[in-house]
N, C-alpha and C. Protein backbone atom coordinates (compact mmCIF):
# COMPACT_ATOMS: atom_id res chain seq x y z
N MET A 1 0.79 -1.18 0.02
CA MET A 1 -0.03 0.03 0.01
C MET A 1 0.87 1.23 0.01
N ALA A 2 0.66 2.08 -0.92
CA ALA A 2 1.49 3.30 -1.07
C ALA A 2 0.99 4.40 -0.02
N ASN A 3 1.94 5.06 0.55
CA ASN A 3 1.60 6.10 1.52
C ASN A 3 1.49 7.47 0.75
N ASN A 4 0.39 8.18 0.99
CA ASN A 4 0.21 9.43 0.31
C ASN A 4 0.28 10.56 1.33
N PHE A 5 1.38 11.20 1.58
CA PHE A 5 1.49 12.28 2.53
C PHE A 5 1.69 13.57 1.79
N SER A 6 0.89 13.78 0.77
CA SER A 6 1.07 14.99 -0.08
C SER A 6 0.70 16.31 0.63
N ASN A 7 0.03 16.19 1.69
CA ASN A 7 -0.48 17.43 2.39
C ASN A 7 0.45 17.87 3.49
N PHE A 8 1.73 17.47 3.43
CA PHE A 8 2.73 17.81 4.44
C PHE A 8 2.75 19.29 4.66
N GLY A 9 2.64 20.09 3.58
CA GLY A 9 2.75 21.53 3.68
C GLY A 9 1.56 22.16 4.50
N LYS A 10 0.50 21.41 4.80
CA LYS A 10 -0.65 21.97 5.49
C LYS A 10 -0.35 22.12 7.01
N LEU A 11 0.71 21.54 7.49
CA LEU A 11 1.04 21.65 8.94
C LEU A 11 1.56 23.01 9.22
N PRO A 12 1.16 23.58 10.36
CA PRO A 12 1.68 24.85 10.83
C PRO A 12 3.18 24.70 11.02
N ILE A 13 3.86 25.83 11.21
CA ILE A 13 5.33 25.80 11.35
C ILE A 13 5.70 25.16 12.77
N GLY A 14 4.97 25.47 13.73
CA GLY A 14 5.18 24.94 15.05
C GLY A 14 3.94 24.86 15.92
N GLY A 15 4.18 24.50 17.15
CA GLY A 15 3.01 24.41 18.07
C GLY A 15 2.34 23.11 18.14
N TYR A 16 1.01 23.10 18.25
CA TYR A 16 0.31 21.86 18.47
C TYR A 16 -0.85 21.79 17.41
N ILE A 17 -1.24 20.52 17.11
CA ILE A 17 -2.25 20.30 16.12
C ILE A 17 -3.26 19.26 16.73
N ARG A 18 -4.55 19.56 16.52
CA ARG A 18 -5.62 18.77 17.07
C ARG A 18 -5.91 17.65 16.12
N GLN A 19 -6.57 16.58 16.60
CA GLN A 19 -6.88 15.40 15.80
C GLN A 19 -7.73 15.83 14.60
N SER A 20 -8.70 16.69 14.78
CA SER A 20 -9.54 17.16 13.66
C SER A 20 -8.76 17.77 12.51
N GLN A 21 -7.51 18.35 12.79
CA GLN A 21 -6.69 18.91 11.77
C GLN A 21 -5.84 17.89 11.08
N LEU A 22 -5.59 16.78 11.86
CA LEU A 22 -4.70 15.71 11.29
C LEU A 22 -5.45 14.81 10.30
N ILE A 23 -6.70 14.46 10.68
CA ILE A 23 -7.40 13.48 9.88
C ILE A 23 -8.56 14.21 9.13
N PRO A 24 -8.69 14.01 7.82
CA PRO A 24 -7.84 13.24 6.95
C PRO A 24 -6.79 14.08 6.22
N ASP A 25 -6.68 15.42 6.52
CA ASP A 25 -5.83 16.34 5.83
C ASP A 25 -4.32 15.97 5.89
N ILE A 26 -3.87 15.56 6.98
CA ILE A 26 -2.41 15.33 7.10
C ILE A 26 -2.08 13.79 7.08
N VAL A 27 -2.74 12.97 7.85
CA VAL A 27 -2.51 11.56 7.88
C VAL A 27 -3.64 10.85 7.09
N PRO A 28 -3.28 9.79 6.28
CA PRO A 28 -4.27 9.16 5.45
C PRO A 28 -5.00 7.97 6.13
N PHE A 29 -5.36 8.11 7.38
CA PHE A 29 -6.04 6.95 8.05
C PHE A 29 -7.11 7.52 8.96
N SER A 30 -7.92 6.61 9.49
CA SER A 30 -9.01 6.93 10.34
C SER A 30 -8.61 7.27 11.77
N SER A 31 -9.60 7.85 12.52
CA SER A 31 -9.29 8.11 13.94
C SER A 31 -8.96 6.83 14.70
N ALA A 32 -9.69 5.77 14.45
CA ALA A 32 -9.38 4.51 15.16
C ALA A 32 -7.97 4.01 14.88
N THR A 33 -7.51 4.13 13.59
CA THR A 33 -6.20 3.81 13.27
C THR A 33 -5.15 4.63 13.88
N LEU A 34 -5.48 5.92 13.96
CA LEU A 34 -4.58 6.87 14.60
C LEU A 34 -4.26 6.50 16.05
N TRP A 35 -5.37 6.16 16.76
CA TRP A 35 -5.22 5.82 18.25
C TRP A 35 -4.54 4.45 18.39
N ARG A 36 -4.77 3.53 17.41
CA ARG A 36 -4.19 2.26 17.48
C ARG A 36 -2.60 2.44 17.22
N LYS A 37 -2.32 3.32 16.32
CA LYS A 37 -0.85 3.54 16.08
C LYS A 37 -0.19 4.28 17.26
N VAL A 38 -0.92 5.15 17.92
CA VAL A 38 -0.41 5.80 19.11
C VAL A 38 -0.19 4.77 20.20
N LYS A 39 -1.08 3.80 20.41
CA LYS A 39 -1.00 2.82 21.39
C LYS A 39 0.18 1.88 21.20
N THR A 40 0.45 1.50 19.89
CA THR A 40 1.51 0.61 19.57
C THR A 40 2.88 1.35 19.41
N GLY A 41 2.86 2.66 19.53
CA GLY A 41 4.08 3.42 19.38
C GLY A 41 4.50 3.72 17.93
N GLU A 42 3.57 3.40 17.01
CA GLU A 42 3.82 3.70 15.51
C GLU A 42 3.64 5.16 15.13
N PHE A 43 2.94 5.88 16.04
CA PHE A 43 2.69 7.34 15.78
C PHE A 43 2.94 8.00 17.08
N PRO A 44 3.41 9.31 17.05
CA PRO A 44 3.81 9.98 18.27
C PRO A 44 2.56 10.16 19.16
N ALA A 45 2.82 10.08 20.46
CA ALA A 45 1.79 10.24 21.44
C ALA A 45 1.40 11.69 21.58
N PRO A 46 0.09 11.98 21.77
CA PRO A 46 -0.35 13.33 21.98
C PRO A 46 0.02 13.95 23.34
N VAL A 47 -0.12 15.17 23.50
CA VAL A 47 0.14 15.85 24.75
C VAL A 47 -1.23 16.33 25.28
N LYS A 48 -1.42 16.16 26.53
CA LYS A 48 -2.74 16.62 27.18
C LYS A 48 -2.52 18.08 27.54
N LEU A 49 -3.16 18.99 26.85
CA LEU A 49 -2.98 20.48 27.11
C LEU A 49 -3.90 20.92 28.22
N SER A 50 -4.99 20.25 28.40
CA SER A 50 -5.92 20.56 29.51
C SER A 50 -6.76 19.27 29.70
N GLU A 51 -7.67 19.35 30.60
CA GLU A 51 -8.50 18.26 30.96
C GLU A 51 -9.22 17.71 29.72
N ARG A 52 -9.65 18.64 28.77
CA ARG A 52 -10.41 18.21 27.66
C ARG A 52 -9.75 18.39 26.31
N ILE A 53 -8.51 18.81 26.30
CA ILE A 53 -7.83 19.12 25.00
C ILE A 53 -6.51 18.22 24.96
N THR A 54 -6.48 17.48 23.89
CA THR A 54 -5.34 16.59 23.57
C THR A 54 -4.90 17.05 22.17
N ALA A 55 -3.55 17.20 21.97
CA ALA A 55 -3.01 17.65 20.70
C ALA A 55 -1.62 17.06 20.53
N TRP A 56 -1.15 17.13 19.27
CA TRP A 56 0.16 16.55 18.96
C TRP A 56 1.13 17.75 18.71
N GLU A 57 2.33 17.56 19.07
CA GLU A 57 3.40 18.52 18.80
C GLU A 57 3.65 18.48 17.27
N VAL A 58 3.59 19.58 16.64
CA VAL A 58 3.74 19.58 15.13
C VAL A 58 5.14 19.04 14.78
N ASN A 59 6.21 19.29 15.57
CA ASN A 59 7.45 18.81 15.17
C ASN A 59 7.49 17.27 15.28
N ALA A 60 6.80 16.66 16.16
CA ALA A 60 6.79 15.17 16.27
C ALA A 60 6.02 14.58 15.03
N VAL A 61 4.99 15.27 14.64
CA VAL A 61 4.24 14.86 13.46
C VAL A 61 5.09 15.00 12.20
N ARG A 62 5.80 16.06 12.04
CA ARG A 62 6.70 16.31 10.94
C ARG A 62 7.77 15.19 10.85
N GLU A 63 8.39 14.88 12.00
CA GLU A 63 9.43 13.79 12.04
C GLU A 63 8.80 12.52 11.63
N TRP A 64 7.58 12.19 12.07
CA TRP A 64 6.90 10.95 11.71
C TRP A 64 6.69 10.92 10.19
N LEU A 65 6.21 12.01 9.61
CA LEU A 65 5.98 12.08 8.19
C LEU A 65 7.21 11.96 7.43
N ASP A 66 8.28 12.59 7.89
CA ASP A 66 9.62 12.44 7.24
C ASP A 66 10.05 11.00 7.18
N SER A 67 9.85 10.30 8.31
CA SER A 67 10.28 8.86 8.39
C SER A 67 9.42 7.99 7.49
N ARG A 68 8.19 8.38 7.19
CA ARG A 68 7.33 7.60 6.36
C ARG A 68 7.50 7.86 4.86
N LYS A 69 8.18 8.90 4.45
CA LYS A 69 8.29 9.22 3.07
C LYS A 69 8.96 8.03 2.28
N GLY A 70 9.97 7.42 2.87
CA GLY A 70 10.69 6.35 2.19
C GLY A 70 10.04 4.97 2.36
N ALA A 71 9.05 4.92 3.20
CA ALA A 71 8.35 3.58 3.47
C ALA A 71 7.46 3.18 2.31
């Protein structure tokens, strides 16, 4: 299965990104797959910014995308 990460440029320069911004614009899989990959360590773990807000560090997502380009 080919990986299509053509929307790499949609990521902000830095900061945090919420799940709704990741799927499907940045990562080509579902919410369930995202959380499964987080649980198995295949995708960076999110950061809990508050009791109700969870987000990913943009730099961690960029590094993950970079590592997947050759896969």
